[in-house]
């Protein structure tokens, strides 16, 4: 599996440092608010798991599942597969995802929660790929900017694989262009 990686962009140590930095920012911003931290399944799992351990404040956890990708590209059409089980009305929500690429998903989910009555919605991503942006939307908390290459690992996948790598790397083009 590691032989499929062209180069490593973030080591597990660098990711841990990012989680500590973002966790502290969120802790400082929400110390008296008890936000609902909502992870977007499945890519968020490793990142969110490590991130919330770095937030020394009261938080609630929930998950939702949305989809827009087929293979290596976004369809631009967002589908909610699993909604949160927590009522967000009047609450502060922090949406956690592995990467912001086109921006479609996070823009949609932000509007979705605001339409459901959330008091505020902020977004947190391990990675930001600005060159992939299709809409004018940026995450509020970003760990690392990545180039416009196909990245996998630490939650990011290609056809459901590679999420379990403990680093983020660039997938060799010959793997996804077969």
N, C-alpha and C. Protein backbone atom coordinates (compact mmCIF):
# COMPACT_ATOMS: atom_id res chain seq x y z
N UNK A 1 0.83 -1.20 0.00
CA UNK A 1 0.00 0.00 0.00
C UNK A 1 0.87 1.26 0.00
N UNK A 2 1.91 1.28 0.82
CA UNK A 2 2.78 2.46 0.87
C UNK A 2 3.56 2.64 -0.43
N UNK A 3 3.71 1.56 -1.21
CA UNK A 3 4.39 1.66 -2.50
C UNK A 3 3.56 2.44 -3.51
N UNK A 4 2.28 2.66 -3.22
CA UNK A 4 1.40 3.43 -4.11
C UNK A 4 1.55 4.93 -3.91
N UNK A 5 2.35 5.33 -2.93
CA UNK A 5 2.49 6.74 -2.58
C UNK A 5 3.69 7.36 -3.29
N UNK A 6 3.45 8.45 -3.99
CA UNK A 6 4.49 9.16 -4.72
C UNK A 6 5.41 9.93 -3.75
N UNK A 7 4.79 10.63 -2.77
CA UNK A 7 5.56 11.35 -1.76
C UNK A 7 4.67 11.62 -0.55
N UNK A 8 5.31 11.76 0.61
CA UNK A 8 4.59 12.07 1.84
C UNK A 8 4.53 13.59 2.00
N UNK A 9 3.32 14.10 2.24
CA UNK A 9 3.13 15.53 2.46
C UNK A 9 3.15 15.89 3.94
N UNK A 10 2.53 15.05 4.76
CA UNK A 10 2.48 15.29 6.21
C UNK A 10 2.75 13.98 6.95
N UNK A 11 3.72 14.00 7.83
CA UNK A 11 4.00 12.82 8.65
C UNK A 11 3.01 12.76 9.81
N UNK A 12 2.99 11.65 10.51
CA UNK A 12 2.10 11.51 11.66
C UNK A 12 2.47 12.53 12.74
N UNK A 13 3.74 12.85 12.88
CA UNK A 13 4.18 13.86 13.86
C UNK A 13 3.69 15.25 13.46
N UNK A 14 3.75 15.57 12.19
CA UNK A 14 3.26 16.88 11.73
C UNK A 14 1.75 16.98 11.92
N UNK A 15 1.04 15.90 11.67
CA UNK A 15 -0.41 15.88 11.86
C UNK A 15 -0.74 16.09 13.34
N UNK A 16 -0.01 15.45 14.24
CA UNK A 16 -0.23 15.62 15.67
C UNK A 16 -0.04 17.08 16.08
N UNK A 17 0.96 17.72 15.53
CA UNK A 17 1.22 19.14 15.82
C UNK A 17 0.07 20.02 15.31
N UNK A 18 -0.44 19.70 14.14
CA UNK A 18 -1.58 20.44 13.58
C UNK A 18 -2.80 20.28 14.47
N UNK A 19 -3.06 19.06 14.93
CA UNK A 19 -4.21 18.81 15.80
C UNK A 19 -4.11 19.63 17.08
N UNK A 20 -2.92 19.70 17.66
CA UNK A 20 -2.72 20.49 18.88
C UNK A 20 -2.98 21.97 18.62
N UNK A 21 -2.48 22.48 17.50
CA UNK A 21 -2.65 23.90 17.16
C UNK A 21 -4.12 24.22 16.93
N UNK A 22 -4.80 23.42 16.12
CA UNK A 22 -6.22 23.67 15.84
C UNK A 22 -7.08 23.45 17.08
N UNK A 23 -6.75 22.42 17.86
CA UNK A 23 -7.49 22.16 19.09
C UNK A 23 -7.43 23.34 20.04
N UNK A 24 -6.25 23.94 20.17
CA UNK A 24 -6.07 25.11 21.04
C UNK A 24 -6.88 26.30 20.53
N UNK A 25 -6.89 26.52 19.21
CA UNK A 25 -7.67 27.62 18.63
C UNK A 25 -9.15 27.44 18.92
N UNK A 26 -9.65 26.22 18.71
CA UNK A 26 -11.05 25.93 18.96
C UNK A 26 -11.37 26.08 20.45
N UNK A 27 -10.50 25.56 21.28
CA UNK A 27 -10.66 25.68 22.73
C UNK A 27 -10.78 27.15 23.15
N UNK A 28 -9.89 27.98 22.63
CA UNK A 28 -9.92 29.40 22.97
C UNK A 28 -11.20 30.08 22.47
N UNK A 29 -11.65 29.71 21.29
CA UNK A 29 -12.84 30.34 20.69
C UNK A 29 -14.15 29.85 21.31
N UNK A 30 -14.17 28.65 21.86
CA UNK A 30 -15.42 28.04 22.32
C UNK A 30 -15.42 27.64 23.79
N UNK A 31 -14.50 28.16 24.59
CA UNK A 31 -14.35 27.68 25.97
C UNK A 31 -15.62 27.80 26.81
N UNK A 32 -16.49 28.75 26.51
CA UNK A 32 -17.71 28.94 27.29
C UNK A 32 -18.98 28.63 26.50
N UNK A 33 -18.86 27.91 25.38
CA UNK A 33 -20.01 27.76 24.49
C UNK A 33 -20.55 26.34 24.34
N UNK A 34 -19.81 25.31 24.67
CA UNK A 34 -20.24 23.91 24.53
C UNK A 34 -20.76 23.60 23.13
N UNK A 35 -19.92 23.73 22.13
CA UNK A 35 -20.36 23.50 20.74
C UNK A 35 -20.60 22.02 20.44
N UNK A 36 -21.33 21.79 19.36
CA UNK A 36 -21.48 20.44 18.81
C UNK A 36 -20.43 20.30 17.71
N UNK A 37 -19.54 19.36 17.87
CA UNK A 37 -18.52 19.09 16.86
C UNK A 37 -19.06 17.97 15.99
N UNK A 38 -19.31 18.28 14.72
CA UNK A 38 -19.92 17.33 13.79
C UNK A 38 -18.88 16.88 12.76
N UNK A 39 -18.58 15.61 12.77
CA UNK A 39 -17.65 15.05 11.81
C UNK A 39 -18.37 14.56 10.57
N UNK A 40 -17.78 14.84 9.42
CA UNK A 40 -18.33 14.36 8.15
C UNK A 40 -17.68 13.01 7.83
N UNK A 41 -18.49 11.97 7.92
CA UNK A 41 -18.01 10.62 7.70
C UNK A 41 -17.69 10.38 6.23
N UNK A 42 -16.74 9.58 5.95
CA UNK A 42 -15.88 8.78 6.77
C UNK A 42 -14.52 9.44 6.93
N UNK A 43 -14.21 10.36 6.05
CA UNK A 43 -12.87 10.94 6.03
C UNK A 43 -12.44 11.63 7.29
N UNK A 44 -13.39 12.13 8.07
CA UNK A 44 -13.05 12.89 9.27
C UNK A 44 -12.50 12.04 10.40
N UNK A 45 -12.77 10.74 10.40
CA UNK A 45 -12.55 9.91 11.59
C UNK A 45 -11.16 10.03 12.23
N UNK A 46 -10.06 9.77 11.53
CA UNK A 46 -8.76 9.88 12.20
C UNK A 46 -8.49 11.30 12.69
N UNK A 47 -8.75 12.28 11.85
CA UNK A 47 -8.49 13.68 12.20
C UNK A 47 -9.35 14.13 13.38
N UNK A 48 -10.64 13.88 13.30
CA UNK A 48 -11.53 14.33 14.37
C UNK A 48 -11.20 13.64 15.69
N UNK A 49 -10.88 12.37 15.62
CA UNK A 49 -10.52 11.62 16.83
C UNK A 49 -9.33 12.26 17.53
N UNK A 50 -8.31 12.61 16.78
CA UNK A 50 -7.12 13.23 17.37
C UNK A 50 -7.37 14.69 17.74
N UNK A 51 -8.13 15.39 16.93
CA UNK A 51 -8.41 16.81 17.18
C UNK A 51 -9.15 17.02 18.50
N UNK A 52 -10.23 16.28 18.73
CA UNK A 52 -11.05 16.53 19.92
C UNK A 52 -10.29 16.22 21.21
N UNK A 53 -9.29 15.36 21.15
CA UNK A 53 -8.46 15.09 22.32
C UNK A 53 -7.61 16.30 22.70
N UNK A 54 -7.47 17.23 21.77
CA UNK A 54 -6.66 18.44 21.99
C UNK A 54 -7.50 19.65 22.36
N UNK A 55 -8.79 19.46 22.56
CA UNK A 55 -9.70 20.55 22.93
C UNK A 55 -10.07 20.37 24.40
N UNK A 56 -9.54 21.22 25.24
CA UNK A 56 -9.83 21.15 26.68
C UNK A 56 -11.02 22.07 26.99
N UNK A 57 -12.18 21.68 26.50
CA UNK A 57 -13.42 22.43 26.71
C UNK A 57 -14.57 21.45 26.56
N UNK A 58 -15.74 21.85 27.05
CA UNK A 58 -16.92 21.00 26.90
C UNK A 58 -17.39 21.03 25.45
N UNK A 59 -17.50 19.84 24.86
CA UNK A 59 -18.01 19.73 23.49
C UNK A 59 -18.93 18.51 23.41
N UNK A 60 -19.84 18.57 22.47
CA UNK A 60 -20.68 17.43 22.13
C UNK A 60 -20.18 16.90 20.79
N UNK A 61 -20.29 15.59 20.59
CA UNK A 61 -19.84 14.98 19.34
C UNK A 61 -21.03 14.39 18.59
N UNK A 62 -21.03 14.56 17.30
CA UNK A 62 -22.03 13.94 16.44
C UNK A 62 -21.39 13.76 15.07
N UNK A 63 -22.08 13.01 14.23
CA UNK A 63 -21.57 12.73 12.88
C UNK A 63 -22.69 12.84 11.87
N UNK A 64 -22.30 13.17 10.66
CA UNK A 64 -23.23 13.06 9.54
C UNK A 64 -22.45 12.53 8.36
N UNK A 65 -23.19 11.95 7.43
CA UNK A 65 -22.56 11.41 6.23
C UNK A 65 -23.16 12.11 5.03
N UNK A 66 -22.28 12.69 4.23
CA UNK A 66 -22.69 13.32 2.98
C UNK A 66 -21.78 12.78 1.88
N UNK A 67 -22.25 12.83 0.66
CA UNK A 67 -21.42 12.35 -0.44
C UNK A 67 -21.54 13.26 -1.64
N UNK A 68 -20.43 13.36 -2.36
CA UNK A 68 -20.41 14.11 -3.62
C UNK A 68 -19.34 13.60 -4.57
N UNK A 69 -18.52 12.64 -4.11
CA UNK A 69 -17.40 12.17 -4.93
C UNK A 69 -17.70 10.85 -5.63
N UNK A 70 -17.18 10.73 -6.83
CA UNK A 70 -17.15 9.47 -7.57
C UNK A 70 -15.73 9.32 -8.09
N UNK A 71 -15.02 8.33 -7.58
CA UNK A 71 -13.63 8.14 -8.01
C UNK A 71 -12.76 9.27 -7.49
N UNK A 72 -12.16 10.04 -8.40
CA UNK A 72 -11.24 11.11 -8.01
C UNK A 72 -11.84 12.50 -8.12
N UNK A 73 -13.10 12.62 -8.51
CA UNK A 73 -13.65 13.97 -8.70
C UNK A 73 -15.02 14.13 -8.06
N UNK A 74 -15.30 15.37 -7.70
CA UNK A 74 -16.57 15.72 -7.08
C UNK A 74 -17.65 15.87 -8.15
N UNK A 75 -18.84 15.38 -7.83
CA UNK A 75 -19.96 15.55 -8.76
C UNK A 75 -20.58 16.93 -8.61
N UNK A 76 -20.31 17.60 -7.47
CA UNK A 76 -20.90 18.90 -7.20
C UNK A 76 -22.30 18.81 -6.61
N UNK A 77 -22.87 17.62 -6.60
CA UNK A 77 -24.20 17.41 -6.03
C UNK A 77 -24.03 16.74 -4.67
N UNK A 78 -24.53 17.40 -3.62
CA UNK A 78 -24.36 16.90 -2.26
C UNK A 78 -25.60 16.12 -1.86
N UNK A 79 -25.37 14.96 -1.27
CA UNK A 79 -26.46 14.11 -0.78
C UNK A 79 -26.21 13.82 0.69
N UNK A 80 -27.21 14.05 1.54
CA UNK A 80 -27.10 13.71 2.96
C UNK A 80 -27.51 12.25 3.12
N UNK A 81 -26.56 11.41 3.50
CA UNK A 81 -26.81 9.99 3.70
C UNK A 81 -27.21 9.66 5.13
N UNK A 82 -26.67 10.43 6.09
CA UNK A 82 -26.98 10.27 7.51
C UNK A 82 -26.92 11.64 8.15
N UNK A 83 -28.03 12.04 8.78
CA UNK A 83 -28.08 13.33 9.45
C UNK A 83 -27.59 13.20 10.88
N UNK A 84 -27.30 14.32 11.53
CA UNK A 84 -26.92 14.32 12.94
C UNK A 84 -28.12 13.90 13.77
N UNK A 85 -27.86 13.37 14.95
CA UNK A 85 -28.95 12.98 15.84
C UNK A 85 -29.21 14.05 16.90
N UNK A 86 -28.36 15.07 16.96
CA UNK A 86 -28.49 16.15 17.92
C UNK A 86 -29.24 17.32 17.30
N UNK A 87 -30.16 17.92 18.06
CA UNK A 87 -30.86 19.12 17.61
C UNK A 87 -29.88 20.29 17.64
N UNK A 88 -29.67 20.94 16.52
CA UNK A 88 -28.71 22.03 16.43
C UNK A 88 -29.34 23.40 16.65
N UNK A 89 -30.64 23.46 16.85
CA UNK A 89 -31.34 24.73 17.01
C UNK A 89 -30.73 25.55 18.14
N UNK A 90 -30.31 26.77 17.82
CA UNK A 90 -29.74 27.67 18.80
C UNK A 90 -28.36 27.29 19.31
N UNK A 91 -27.71 26.35 18.67
CA UNK A 91 -26.41 25.84 19.12
C UNK A 91 -25.29 26.25 18.18
N UNK A 92 -24.07 26.29 18.73
CA UNK A 92 -22.87 26.52 17.93
C UNK A 92 -22.40 25.17 17.38
N UNK A 93 -22.12 25.12 16.09
CA UNK A 93 -21.72 23.89 15.41
C UNK A 93 -20.35 24.10 14.79
N UNK A 94 -19.49 23.10 14.96
CA UNK A 94 -18.19 23.08 14.27
C UNK A 94 -18.17 21.83 13.41
N UNK A 95 -18.09 22.00 12.11
CA UNK A 95 -18.08 20.89 11.16
C UNK A 95 -16.62 20.52 10.88
N UNK A 96 -16.29 19.24 11.06
CA UNK A 96 -14.92 18.77 10.86
C UNK A 96 -14.88 17.84 9.65
N UNK A 97 -13.94 18.12 8.76
CA UNK A 97 -13.75 17.28 7.58
C UNK A 97 -12.25 17.10 7.34
N UNK A 98 -11.91 16.12 6.53
CA UNK A 98 -10.51 15.86 6.25
C UNK A 98 -9.89 16.91 5.35
N UNK A 99 -10.67 17.36 4.33
CA UNK A 99 -10.10 18.29 3.34
C UNK A 99 -11.20 19.19 2.78
N UNK A 100 -10.84 20.42 2.49
CA UNK A 100 -11.70 21.28 1.68
C UNK A 100 -11.03 21.38 0.32
N UNK A 101 -11.76 20.96 -0.70
CA UNK A 101 -11.25 20.94 -2.07
C UNK A 101 -12.11 21.89 -2.90
N UNK A 102 -13.19 21.40 -3.47
CA UNK A 102 -14.06 22.26 -4.27
C UNK A 102 -14.79 23.29 -3.41
N UNK A 103 -15.06 22.93 -2.15
CA UNK A 103 -15.81 23.80 -1.25
C UNK A 103 -17.29 23.50 -1.25
N UNK A 104 -17.77 22.71 -2.21
CA UNK A 104 -19.19 22.41 -2.31
C UNK A 104 -19.76 21.79 -1.04
N UNK A 105 -19.08 20.77 -0.52
CA UNK A 105 -19.61 20.04 0.64
C UNK A 105 -19.73 20.95 1.86
N UNK A 106 -18.66 21.64 2.20
CA UNK A 106 -18.70 22.47 3.40
C UNK A 106 -19.64 23.66 3.25
N UNK A 107 -19.72 24.22 2.06
CA UNK A 107 -20.69 25.30 1.83
C UNK A 107 -22.11 24.77 2.04
N UNK A 108 -22.40 23.60 1.48
CA UNK A 108 -23.72 23.00 1.60
C UNK A 108 -24.05 22.69 3.06
N UNK A 109 -23.13 22.04 3.76
CA UNK A 109 -23.38 21.63 5.15
C UNK A 109 -23.54 22.86 6.06
N UNK A 110 -22.76 23.90 5.82
CA UNK A 110 -22.90 25.13 6.61
C UNK A 110 -24.30 25.72 6.43
N UNK A 111 -24.76 25.84 5.21
CA UNK A 111 -26.11 26.36 4.94
C UNK A 111 -27.17 25.42 5.53
N UNK A 112 -26.93 24.14 5.44
CA UNK A 112 -27.85 23.13 5.95
C UNK A 112 -28.10 23.33 7.44
N UNK A 113 -27.01 23.49 8.22
CA UNK A 113 -27.15 23.68 9.66
C UNK A 113 -27.75 25.04 10.01
N UNK A 114 -27.40 26.06 9.27
CA UNK A 114 -28.01 27.37 9.51
C UNK A 114 -29.51 27.32 9.23
N UNK A 115 -29.90 26.62 8.17
CA UNK A 115 -31.34 26.45 7.87
C UNK A 115 -32.06 25.63 8.93
N UNK A 116 -31.32 24.77 9.64
CA UNK A 116 -31.90 23.98 10.73
C UNK A 116 -31.92 24.76 12.04
N UNK A 117 -31.46 26.01 12.01
CA UNK A 117 -31.54 26.87 13.19
C UNK A 117 -30.29 26.96 14.04
N UNK A 118 -29.16 26.50 13.54
CA UNK A 118 -27.92 26.62 14.32
C UNK A 118 -27.62 28.09 14.58
N UNK A 119 -27.10 28.38 15.76
CA UNK A 119 -26.71 29.74 16.13
C UNK A 119 -25.53 30.20 15.28
N UNK A 120 -24.55 29.31 15.14
CA UNK A 120 -23.38 29.60 14.31
C UNK A 120 -22.83 28.30 13.77
N UNK A 121 -22.12 28.38 12.64
CA UNK A 121 -21.48 27.22 12.05
C UNK A 121 -20.08 27.63 11.59
N UNK A 122 -19.09 26.92 12.09
CA UNK A 122 -17.70 27.09 11.67
C UNK A 122 -17.22 25.77 11.11
N UNK A 123 -16.18 25.81 10.30
CA UNK A 123 -15.67 24.61 9.68
C UNK A 123 -14.18 24.44 10.00
N UNK A 124 -13.77 23.18 10.15
CA UNK A 124 -12.39 22.85 10.48
C UNK A 124 -11.94 21.70 9.59
N UNK A 125 -10.82 21.89 8.88
CA UNK A 125 -10.30 20.86 7.98
C UNK A 125 -8.81 20.66 8.23
N UNK A 126 -8.40 19.42 8.17
CA UNK A 126 -6.99 19.13 8.26
C UNK A 126 -6.26 19.76 7.08
N UNK A 127 -6.84 19.60 5.88
CA UNK A 127 -6.18 20.05 4.66
C UNK A 127 -7.05 21.01 3.87
N UNK A 128 -6.38 21.90 3.14
CA UNK A 128 -7.05 22.83 2.23
C UNK A 128 -6.34 22.75 0.89
N UNK A 129 -7.13 22.51 -0.17
CA UNK A 129 -6.59 22.48 -1.52
C UNK A 129 -7.22 23.64 -2.29
N UNK A 130 -6.70 24.88 -2.12
CA UNK A 130 -7.33 26.06 -2.73
C UNK A 130 -7.45 26.01 -4.25
N UNK A 131 -6.51 25.32 -4.90
CA UNK A 131 -6.55 25.25 -6.36
C UNK A 131 -7.76 24.46 -6.87
N UNK A 132 -8.36 23.65 -5.99
CA UNK A 132 -9.52 22.86 -6.39
C UNK A 132 -10.85 23.57 -6.19
N UNK A 133 -10.82 24.77 -5.59
CA UNK A 133 -12.05 25.46 -5.21
C UNK A 133 -12.93 25.81 -6.41
N UNK A 134 -14.21 25.45 -6.29
CA UNK A 134 -15.22 25.74 -7.32
C UNK A 134 -16.22 26.79 -6.83
N UNK A 135 -16.28 27.00 -5.51
CA UNK A 135 -17.17 28.01 -4.92
C UNK A 135 -16.35 28.90 -4.00
N UNK A 136 -16.87 30.07 -3.70
CA UNK A 136 -16.18 31.02 -2.84
C UNK A 136 -16.47 30.68 -1.38
N UNK A 137 -15.78 29.66 -0.87
CA UNK A 137 -15.98 29.22 0.50
C UNK A 137 -14.63 28.76 1.06
N UNK A 138 -14.31 29.22 2.25
CA UNK A 138 -13.07 28.81 2.91
C UNK A 138 -13.37 28.29 4.30
N UNK A 139 -12.60 27.33 4.76
CA UNK A 139 -12.77 26.79 6.10
C UNK A 139 -12.27 27.81 7.12
N UNK A 140 -12.87 27.78 8.32
CA UNK A 140 -12.48 28.70 9.38
C UNK A 140 -11.20 28.27 10.07
N UNK A 141 -11.00 26.98 10.21
CA UNK A 141 -9.78 26.44 10.82
C UNK A 141 -9.16 25.48 9.82
N UNK A 142 -7.91 25.72 9.45
CA UNK A 142 -7.22 24.89 8.46
C UNK A 142 -5.86 24.47 9.00
N UNK A 143 -5.56 23.19 8.84
CA UNK A 143 -4.29 22.67 9.31
C UNK A 143 -3.13 22.89 8.37
N UNK A 144 -3.34 22.60 7.07
CA UNK A 144 -2.23 22.63 6.12
C UNK A 144 -2.77 22.81 4.70
N UNK A 145 -2.09 23.61 3.91
CA UNK A 145 -2.42 23.81 2.49
C UNK A 145 -1.70 22.72 1.69
N UNK A 146 -2.43 22.09 0.77
CA UNK A 146 -1.83 21.06 -0.08
C UNK A 146 -1.92 21.45 -1.55
N UNK A 147 -0.99 20.93 -2.35
CA UNK A 147 -1.03 21.23 -3.79
C UNK A 147 -2.19 20.51 -4.47
N UNK A 148 -2.44 20.87 -5.70
CA UNK A 148 -3.53 20.28 -6.47
C UNK A 148 -3.11 18.91 -7.01
N UNK A 149 -2.92 17.98 -6.08
CA UNK A 149 -2.59 16.60 -6.39
C UNK A 149 -3.56 15.71 -5.64
N UNK A 150 -3.63 14.45 -6.02
CA UNK A 150 -4.57 13.53 -5.37
C UNK A 150 -3.93 12.98 -4.10
N UNK A 151 -4.46 13.43 -2.94
CA UNK A 151 -3.88 13.05 -1.66
C UNK A 151 -4.73 11.98 -0.97
N UNK A 152 -4.03 11.10 -0.26
CA UNK A 152 -4.68 10.01 0.48
C UNK A 152 -4.01 9.85 1.83
N UNK A 153 -4.67 9.09 2.68
CA UNK A 153 -4.12 8.78 3.99
C UNK A 153 -4.78 9.60 5.08
N UNK A 154 -4.72 9.09 6.30
CA UNK A 154 -5.26 9.76 7.48
C UNK A 154 -6.71 10.20 7.25
N UNK A 155 -7.49 9.29 6.70
CA UNK A 155 -8.91 9.55 6.44
C UNK A 155 -9.24 9.78 4.99
N UNK A 156 -8.30 10.29 4.23
CA UNK A 156 -8.54 10.56 2.80
C UNK A 156 -8.38 9.26 2.03
N UNK A 157 -9.27 9.07 1.04
CA UNK A 157 -9.26 7.79 0.35
C UNK A 157 -9.24 7.92 -1.16
N UNK A 158 -8.99 6.80 -1.77
CA UNK A 158 -9.25 6.60 -3.19
C UNK A 158 -10.07 5.34 -3.28
N UNK A 159 -11.31 5.46 -3.70
CA UNK A 159 -12.25 4.34 -3.79
C UNK A 159 -12.32 3.54 -2.48
N UNK A 160 -12.32 4.25 -1.35
CA UNK A 160 -12.47 3.62 -0.05
C UNK A 160 -11.19 3.09 0.57
N UNK A 161 -10.09 3.15 -0.14
CA UNK A 161 -8.81 2.63 0.36
C UNK A 161 -7.88 3.75 0.80
N UNK A 162 -6.86 3.41 1.55
CA UNK A 162 -5.79 4.28 2.02
C UNK A 162 -6.15 5.14 3.23
N UNK A 163 -7.39 5.12 3.71
CA UNK A 163 -7.78 5.94 4.86
C UNK A 163 -6.96 5.62 6.10
N UNK A 164 -6.48 4.39 6.22
CA UNK A 164 -5.80 3.93 7.42
C UNK A 164 -4.31 4.28 7.48
N UNK A 165 -3.78 4.95 6.49
CA UNK A 165 -2.39 5.39 6.57
C UNK A 165 -2.26 6.44 7.67
N UNK A 166 -1.15 6.43 8.41
CA UNK A 166 -0.99 7.40 9.50
C UNK A 166 -0.30 8.69 9.03
N UNK A 167 -0.24 8.90 7.74
CA UNK A 167 0.33 10.11 7.15
C UNK A 167 -0.54 10.50 5.96
N UNK A 168 -0.29 11.69 5.42
CA UNK A 168 -0.96 12.14 4.20
C UNK A 168 0.07 12.13 3.09
N UNK A 169 -0.26 11.47 1.99
CA UNK A 169 0.66 11.40 0.87
C UNK A 169 -0.04 11.61 -0.46
N UNK A 170 0.76 11.82 -1.48
CA UNK A 170 0.25 11.97 -2.85
C UNK A 170 0.22 10.59 -3.48
N UNK A 171 -0.93 10.22 -4.00
CA UNK A 171 -1.09 8.92 -4.66
C UNK A 171 -0.46 8.98 -6.04
N UNK A 172 0.27 7.94 -6.40
CA UNK A 172 0.87 7.86 -7.74
C UNK A 172 -0.25 7.89 -8.78
N UNK A 173 -0.12 8.72 -9.81
CA UNK A 173 -1.16 8.83 -10.84
C UNK A 173 -1.52 7.50 -11.51
N UNK A 174 -0.56 6.61 -11.64
CA UNK A 174 -0.84 5.33 -12.32
C UNK A 174 -1.83 4.49 -11.50
N UNK A 175 -2.00 4.76 -10.24
CA UNK A 175 -2.93 4.00 -9.40
C UNK A 175 -4.38 4.36 -9.74
N UNK A 176 -4.64 5.67 -9.92
CA UNK A 176 -6.03 6.08 -10.16
C UNK A 176 -6.35 6.36 -11.63
N UNK A 177 -5.39 6.17 -12.50
CA UNK A 177 -5.67 6.39 -13.93
C UNK A 177 -5.70 5.09 -14.71
N UNK A 178 -5.89 3.97 -13.99
CA UNK A 178 -5.94 2.65 -14.64
C UNK A 178 -7.22 2.50 -15.43
